[in-house]
Protein backbone atom coordinates (compact mmCIF):
# COMPACT_ATOMS: atom_id res chain seq x y z
CA MET A 1 61.40 -55.04 -32.43
CA ARG A 2 58.91 -57.29 -30.65
CA CYS A 3 55.48 -57.81 -32.18
CA LEU A 4 52.53 -58.49 -29.91
CA LEU A 5 49.30 -59.95 -31.18
CA ILE A 6 46.24 -58.59 -29.49
CA LYS A 7 43.73 -61.23 -28.42
CA ILE A 8 40.54 -60.77 -30.41
CA ASP A 9 37.18 -62.00 -29.13
CA TYR A 10 35.54 -63.36 -32.26
CA ALA A 11 32.41 -64.21 -30.24
CA GLU A 12 31.60 -60.50 -30.44
CA TYR A 13 31.65 -60.55 -34.26
CA THR A 14 28.52 -60.93 -36.34
CA ASP A 15 28.35 -63.79 -38.82
CA GLU A 16 29.01 -61.35 -41.65
CA GLU A 17 32.05 -59.91 -39.88
CA LEU A 18 33.44 -63.40 -39.32
CA GLU A 19 32.93 -64.21 -42.98
CA ASP A 20 34.73 -61.00 -43.92
CA VAL A 21 37.76 -61.61 -41.71
CA TRP A 22 37.88 -65.23 -42.90
CA GLN A 23 38.13 -64.04 -46.49
CA GLN A 24 40.87 -61.55 -45.62
CA ILE A 25 43.06 -63.43 -43.13
CA ASP A 26 46.45 -64.60 -44.38
CA ASP A 27 46.48 -68.09 -42.88
CA SER A 28 50.18 -68.54 -43.60
CA ALA A 29 51.23 -65.41 -41.72
CA TYR A 30 48.57 -65.59 -38.99
CA ALA A 31 47.88 -69.31 -38.54
CA GLU A 32 46.64 -68.99 -34.95
CA ARG A 33 44.15 -66.28 -35.86
CA ALA A 34 42.98 -68.22 -38.91
CA ILE A 35 42.32 -71.20 -36.64
CA GLU A 36 40.42 -69.01 -34.16
CA ILE A 37 38.27 -67.54 -36.93
CA TYR A 38 37.63 -70.95 -38.46
CA LEU A 39 36.62 -72.43 -35.09
CA ALA A 40 34.35 -69.45 -34.34
CA MET A 41 32.64 -69.95 -37.71
CA HIS A 42 32.43 -73.71 -37.17
CA LYS A 43 30.89 -73.21 -33.72
CA ARG A 44 28.15 -71.05 -35.26
CA LYS A 45 27.77 -73.51 -38.14
CA ILE A 46 28.84 -70.94 -40.73
CA GLU A 47 30.09 -73.13 -43.53
CA ARG A 48 31.16 -70.49 -45.99
CA PHE A 49 29.97 -67.03 -46.89
CA ASP A 50 28.19 -68.26 -50.04
CA ASN A 51 26.45 -71.22 -48.38
CA GLN A 52 24.34 -69.37 -45.84
CA PRO A 53 20.58 -69.74 -46.21
CA GLU A 54 18.79 -66.49 -46.82
CA ASP A 55 15.38 -65.47 -45.57
CA SER A 56 13.44 -66.73 -48.52
CA SER A 57 11.08 -64.41 -50.31
CA PHE A 58 10.78 -63.48 -53.94
CA GLU A 59 11.83 -59.89 -53.27
CA ASN A 60 14.84 -60.94 -51.22
CA GLU A 61 15.98 -63.50 -53.78
CA LEU A 62 15.55 -61.01 -56.60
CA PHE A 63 17.48 -58.32 -54.74
CA VAL A 64 20.31 -60.72 -53.87
CA TYR A 65 20.50 -61.96 -57.46
CA LEU A 66 20.59 -58.46 -58.93
CA TRP A 67 22.98 -57.05 -56.37
CA TYR A 68 25.44 -59.94 -56.57
CA SER A 69 25.30 -60.14 -60.33
CA ASN A 70 25.97 -56.41 -60.69
CA HIS A 71 28.29 -55.63 -57.77
CA ARG A 72 29.80 -58.59 -55.96
CA TYR A 73 31.90 -60.15 -58.70
CA GLU A 74 32.01 -58.62 -62.13
CA GLN A 75 33.12 -61.83 -63.78
CA GLU A 76 32.32 -65.45 -63.05
CA GLU A 77 36.02 -66.32 -63.26
CA GLU A 78 36.80 -63.98 -60.37
CA TYR A 79 34.06 -65.57 -58.28
CA GLN A 80 35.29 -69.08 -59.05
CA TYR A 81 38.87 -68.08 -58.22
CA LEU A 82 37.76 -66.74 -54.84
CA GLN A 83 35.86 -69.96 -54.14
CA ARG A 84 38.95 -72.06 -54.93
CA GLU A 85 41.10 -69.85 -52.70
CA LEU A 86 38.65 -70.10 -49.79
CA SER A 87 38.42 -73.89 -50.19
CA ALA A 88 42.21 -74.18 -50.19
CA LYS A 89 42.44 -71.94 -47.12
CA GLU A 90 39.87 -74.05 -45.30
CA LYS A 91 41.82 -77.23 -46.09
CA ARG A 92 45.08 -75.68 -44.86
CA VAL A 93 43.49 -74.50 -41.60
CA VAL A 94 41.80 -77.87 -40.97
CA LYS A 95 45.21 -79.52 -41.51
CA LEU A 96 46.77 -77.11 -38.97
CA ILE A 97 44.08 -78.04 -36.45
CA GLU A 98 44.60 -81.74 -37.08
CA ASP A 99 48.36 -81.35 -36.61
CA LEU A 100 47.84 -79.49 -33.31
CA CYS A 101 45.54 -82.23 -32.01
CA GLN A 102 48.04 -85.05 -32.63
């Protein structure tokens, strides 16, 4: 059975959608897509989902703090694990790009 990958236009994605697919993509199984997502994020200067500046206001910062602390990651260990996984993924994808450019 032949598997066809559909070309996805990541330029149509919002920053949040790119961040979401970056977190979910299996870079080992879908290296080309991981590279495309990484390059789309890099082009928009999206470093990582947790490094984006927010519109700064007391209300916004309070809401983000309360929402993240109560819903995003129940335990700090889970959050730190995700950060390590995303950092490792980024390093693997950058290495793939470097290998393709040689």
